């Protein structure tokens, strides 16, 4: 156990907060570049939109996976500090993704974000894309909550809010992850399947996305079961001793 703690301590000293931000930034940039180049046949707006959004999801997923990973294999304890930086840069990528949507897709006509389009005959807004509206509402809630978590992801915020309140707020990262998954899943699997749309180009990210989400969910489930089993054994031992 001392060897494991020593490894974690050395990793923490080697990667200070600047180093962790640099690692997260390099992963974000490299991931976005690969995702951008993998869809060269798409329009520039959709290429950048999906590349930044998917890269943000990957970093947030990494952040969510570290906790259960350490519970299952304590030797990875040195990765714990990276949860903050991965989450921060994941949210920043999501902000950039949103800006591209607003400028390139709905062209700053904010009503269109909620599924409304101008009817060519009446000149009035009508609800045309119900799924688009719901998915964007989910995405907006996730983005706002992600920004809140990012702004409070600092030692100063932890001292200001107090340990209990800060921990309660940060535990909402599970909600952020689920909302992000739902938002992404809609656009990855459903949005371009409407009957009035042409058949979209195949999106290679569908299977990797499902695998990534399943992997994080499995890690969380296994970590929960291990924690539950450990607590149950401790409770039984305590009962037997009394």
Protein backbone atom coordinates (compact mmCIF):
# COMPACT_ATOMS: atom_id res chain seq x y z
CA UNK A 1 0.00 0.00 0.00
CA UNK A 2 2.87 2.37 0.78
CA UNK A 3 4.27 1.74 -2.70
CA UNK A 4 0.89 2.61 -4.23
CA UNK A 5 0.65 5.82 -2.22
CA UNK A 6 4.21 6.70 -3.17
CA UNK A 7 3.39 6.32 -6.86
CA UNK A 8 0.33 8.55 -6.47
CA UNK A 9 2.33 11.13 -4.52
CA UNK A 10 5.12 11.24 -7.13
CA UNK A 11 2.59 11.63 -9.93
CA UNK A 12 0.89 14.48 -8.08
CA UNK A 13 4.20 16.28 -7.56
CA UNK A 14 5.26 15.80 -11.18
CA UNK A 15 1.97 17.07 -12.57
CA UNK A 16 1.13 20.33 -10.80
CA UNK A 17 -1.99 22.20 -11.81
CA UNK A 18 -0.18 23.78 -14.78
CA UNK A 19 1.04 20.39 -15.95
CA UNK A 20 -2.41 18.88 -15.61
CA UNK A 21 -3.94 21.72 -17.62
CA UNK A 22 -1.28 21.20 -20.28
CA UNK A 23 -2.03 17.46 -20.48
CA UNK A 24 -5.78 18.15 -20.74
CA UNK A 25 -5.19 20.84 -23.37
CA UNK A 26 -2.99 18.54 -25.46
CA UNK A 27 -5.59 15.76 -25.27
CA UNK A 28 -8.34 18.21 -26.21
CA UNK A 29 -6.40 19.58 -29.17
CA UNK A 30 -5.23 16.19 -30.44
CA UNK A 31 -8.67 14.64 -30.02
CA UNK A 32 -10.44 17.51 -31.77
CA UNK A 33 -7.94 17.39 -34.65
CA UNK A 34 -8.42 13.63 -35.17
CA UNK A 35 -12.21 13.99 -35.02
CA UNK A 36 -12.10 16.94 -37.42
CA UNK A 37 -9.98 15.11 -39.99
CA UNK A 38 -12.10 11.95 -39.72
CA UNK A 39 -15.09 13.76 -41.23
CA UNK A 40 -13.42 15.59 -44.09
CA UNK A 41 -16.45 15.10 -46.37
CA UNK A 42 -18.77 17.06 -44.04
CA UNK A 43 -19.47 20.77 -44.26
CA UNK A 44 -17.02 22.90 -42.21
CA UNK A 45 -19.70 23.90 -39.69
CA UNK A 46 -20.73 20.34 -38.93
CA UNK A 47 -17.12 19.13 -38.86
CA UNK A 48 -16.10 21.69 -36.23
CA UNK A 49 -19.38 21.38 -34.37
CA UNK A 50 -19.12 17.62 -33.91
CA UNK A 51 -15.34 17.54 -33.43
CA UNK A 52 -15.41 19.96 -30.51
CA UNK A 53 -18.58 18.50 -29.02
CA UNK A 54 -17.30 14.92 -29.21
CA UNK A 55 -13.89 15.87 -27.83
CA UNK A 56 -15.63 17.58 -24.91
CA UNK A 57 -17.69 14.46 -24.24
CA UNK A 58 -14.54 12.30 -24.25
CA UNK A 59 -12.78 14.51 -21.68
CA UNK A 60 -15.85 14.62 -19.45
CA UNK A 61 -16.10 10.82 -19.72
CA UNK A 62 -12.43 10.50 -18.73
CA UNK A 63 -13.13 12.71 -15.72
CA UNK A 64 -16.09 10.54 -14.73
CA UNK A 65 -14.12 7.31 -15.16
CA UNK A 66 -11.20 8.20 -12.89
CA UNK A 67 -13.13 7.97 -9.60
CA UNK A 68 -14.49 4.43 -10.07
CA UNK A 69 -11.20 3.36 -11.69
CA UNK A 70 -9.30 4.30 -8.53
CA UNK A 71 -11.85 2.54 -6.32
CA UNK A 72 -11.32 -0.65 -8.28
CA UNK A 73 -7.55 -0.35 -8.71
CA UNK A 74 -5.93 1.98 -6.14
CA UNK A 75 -2.66 1.97 -8.10
CA UNK A 76 -4.26 4.61 -10.35
CA UNK A 77 -4.60 7.01 -7.42
CA UNK A 78 -2.23 9.45 -9.10
CA UNK A 79 -4.91 10.19 -11.74
CA UNK A 80 -7.35 11.67 -9.22
CA UNK A 81 -6.12 15.28 -9.60
CA UNK A 82 -6.76 15.10 -13.36
CA UNK A 83 -10.52 14.85 -12.83
CA UNK A 84 -10.74 18.60 -12.36
CA UNK A 85 -8.73 19.59 -15.43
CA UNK A 86 -10.37 17.03 -17.71
CA UNK A 87 -13.78 18.30 -16.61
CA UNK A 88 -12.83 21.96 -17.07
CA UNK A 89 -11.49 21.50 -20.59
CA UNK A 90 -14.41 19.25 -21.50
CA UNK A 91 -16.80 22.06 -20.58
CA UNK A 92 -14.71 24.64 -22.46
CA UNK A 93 -14.89 22.49 -25.58
CA UNK A 94 -18.66 22.27 -25.07
CA UNK A 95 -18.87 26.07 -24.89
CA UNK A 96 -16.98 26.34 -28.22
CA UNK A 97 -19.30 23.67 -29.67
CA UNK A 98 -22.32 25.75 -28.59
CA UNK A 99 -20.92 28.93 -30.16
CA UNK A 100 -20.54 27.14 -33.49
CA UNK A 101 -24.13 25.88 -33.27
CA UNK A 102 -25.44 29.38 -32.54
CA UNK A 103 -23.42 31.05 -35.28
CA UNK A 104 -23.30 28.40 -37.98
CA UNK A 105 -26.50 26.36 -37.57
CA UNK A 106 -29.23 28.61 -36.17
CA UNK A 107 -27.41 31.81 -37.24
CA UNK A 108 -28.09 33.53 -33.90
CA UNK A 109 -31.84 33.18 -34.38
CA UNK A 110 -32.26 31.83 -30.86
CA UNK A 111 -35.88 30.75 -31.39
CA UNK A 112 -34.58 28.13 -33.84
CA UNK A 113 -32.60 26.51 -31.02
CA UNK A 114 -35.95 25.32 -29.66
CA UNK A 115 -37.12 23.70 -32.89
CA UNK A 116 -38.99 26.63 -34.44
CA UNK A 117 -38.64 27.63 -38.09
CA UNK A 118 -40.20 30.43 -40.10
CA UNK A 119 -43.10 29.18 -42.25
CA UNK A 120 -42.46 30.37 -45.84
CA UNK A 121 -46.13 31.29 -46.44
CA UNK A 122 -47.13 32.93 -43.17
CA UNK A 123 -43.75 34.31 -42.16
CA UNK A 124 -44.41 33.11 -38.60
CA UNK A 125 -42.50 30.68 -36.42
CA UNK A 126 -43.90 27.17 -36.21
CA UNK A 127 -42.69 24.19 -34.19
CA UNK A 128 -41.02 21.95 -36.75
CA UNK A 129 -38.39 19.89 -34.89
CA UNK A 130 -39.61 18.62 -31.53
CA UNK A 131 -36.64 16.33 -30.96
CA UNK A 132 -34.20 19.10 -31.84
CA UNK A 133 -35.87 21.34 -29.26
CA UNK A 134 -35.77 18.77 -26.46
CA UNK A 135 -32.19 17.75 -27.18
CA UNK A 136 -31.07 21.38 -27.15
CA UNK A 137 -32.90 22.08 -23.88
CA UNK A 138 -31.03 19.13 -22.36
CA UNK A 139 -27.79 20.45 -23.84
CA UNK A 140 -28.37 23.97 -22.47
CA UNK A 141 -29.09 22.65 -18.97
CA UNK A 142 -25.94 20.53 -19.16
CA UNK A 143 -23.87 23.48 -20.38
CA UNK A 144 -25.11 25.84 -17.66
CA UNK A 145 -24.47 23.25 -14.97
CA UNK A 146 -21.08 22.47 -16.50
CA UNK A 147 -20.12 26.15 -16.37
CA UNK A 148 -21.18 26.30 -12.70
CA UNK A 149 -19.05 23.26 -11.92
CA UNK A 150 -16.13 24.73 -13.84
CA UNK A 151 -16.32 28.08 -12.04
CA UNK A 152 -16.31 26.28 -8.68
CA UNK A 153 -13.53 23.83 -9.60
CA UNK A 154 -10.83 25.54 -7.59
CA UNK A 155 -9.33 25.39 -4.13
CA UNK A 156 -10.59 28.93 -3.48
CA UNK A 157 -14.18 27.89 -4.26
CA UNK A 158 -13.82 24.89 -2.00
CA UNK A 159 -12.70 27.09 0.89
CA UNK A 160 -15.37 29.72 0.19
CA UNK A 161 -18.29 27.29 -0.06
CA UNK A 162 -17.08 24.95 2.64
CA UNK A 163 -16.27 21.29 2.18
CA UNK A 164 -19.80 19.92 2.55
CA UNK A 165 -21.52 22.39 0.19
CA UNK A 166 -18.71 22.21 -2.35
CA UNK A 167 -18.76 18.42 -2.39
CA UNK A 168 -22.56 18.37 -2.78
CA UNK A 169 -22.28 20.73 -5.77
CA UNK A 170 -19.48 18.78 -7.42
CA UNK A 171 -21.32 15.49 -7.04
CA UNK A 172 -23.71 16.87 -9.64
CA UNK A 173 -21.06 15.96 -12.22
CA UNK A 174 -22.94 12.65 -12.59
CA UNK A 175 -26.01 14.62 -13.68
CA UNK A 176 -23.85 16.63 -16.10
CA UNK A 177 -22.47 13.44 -17.63
CA UNK A 178 -25.90 11.87 -18.12
CA UNK A 179 -27.34 15.03 -19.69
CA UNK A 180 -24.34 15.25 -22.02
CA UNK A 181 -24.78 11.61 -23.03
CA UNK A 182 -28.50 12.11 -23.78
CA UNK A 183 -27.83 15.29 -25.79
CA UNK A 184 -25.09 13.60 -27.83
CA UNK A 185 -27.06 10.40 -28.38
CA UNK A 186 -29.96 12.28 -29.96
CA UNK A 187 -27.79 13.96 -32.61
CA UNK A 188 -25.72 10.84 -33.15
CA UNK A 189 -28.59 8.41 -33.66
CA UNK A 190 -31.91 10.22 -34.20
CA UNK A 191 -31.85 13.78 -35.51
CA UNK A 192 -30.83 13.05 -39.09
CA UNK A 193 -33.24 10.12 -39.44
CA UNK A 194 -36.40 12.21 -39.97
CA UNK A 195 -38.46 11.12 -42.97
CA UNK A 196 -38.07 14.48 -44.71
CA UNK A 197 -34.28 14.45 -44.51
CA UNK A 198 -31.95 12.79 -47.00
CA UNK A 199 -30.07 9.74 -45.74
CA UNK A 200 -27.09 11.15 -43.82
CA UNK A 201 -23.48 10.20 -44.32
CA UNK A 202 -22.49 7.26 -42.09
CA UNK A 203 -21.17 8.48 -38.76
CA UNK A 204 -18.38 6.21 -37.55
CA UNK A 205 -18.71 7.60 -34.01
CA UNK A 206 -21.91 5.72 -33.21
CA UNK A 207 -20.28 2.48 -32.01
CA UNK A 208 -17.31 4.13 -30.23
CA UNK A 209 -19.74 6.44 -28.44
CA UNK A 210 -21.82 3.50 -27.23
CA UNK A 211 -18.65 1.70 -26.14
CA UNK A 212 -17.35 4.73 -24.23
CA UNK A 213 -20.63 5.28 -22.39
CA UNK A 214 -20.93 1.57 -21.61
CA UNK A 215 -17.34 1.46 -20.30
CA UNK A 216 -17.88 4.41 -17.94
CA UNK A 217 -21.20 2.99 -16.74
CA UNK A 218 -19.61 -0.42 -16.15
CA UNK A 219 -16.76 1.11 -14.14
CA UNK A 220 -19.26 3.01 -12.01
CA UNK A 221 -21.37 -0.10 -11.45
CA UNK A 222 -18.39 -2.25 -10.48
CA UNK A 223 -17.08 0.46 -8.15
CA UNK A 224 -20.50 0.73 -6.51
CA UNK A 225 -20.73 -3.04 -6.01
CA UNK A 226 -17.24 -3.18 -4.54
CA UNK A 227 -17.97 -0.30 -2.17
CA UNK A 228 -21.29 -1.86 -1.15
CA UNK A 229 -19.64 -5.24 -0.52
CA UNK A 230 -16.86 -3.66 1.54
CA UNK A 231 -19.31 -1.68 3.68
CA UNK A 232 -21.49 -4.76 4.15
CA UNK A 233 -18.53 -6.81 5.36
CA UNK A 234 -17.52 -4.01 7.74
CA UNK A 235 -21.07 -3.83 9.11
CA UNK A 236 -21.21 -7.60 9.65
CA UNK A 237 -17.82 -7.56 11.40
CA UNK A 238 -18.98 -4.74 13.66
CA UNK A 239 -22.17 -6.62 14.57
CA UNK A 240 -20.20 -9.75 15.42
CA UNK A 241 -17.82 -7.80 17.65
CA UNK A 242 -20.63 -6.24 19.70
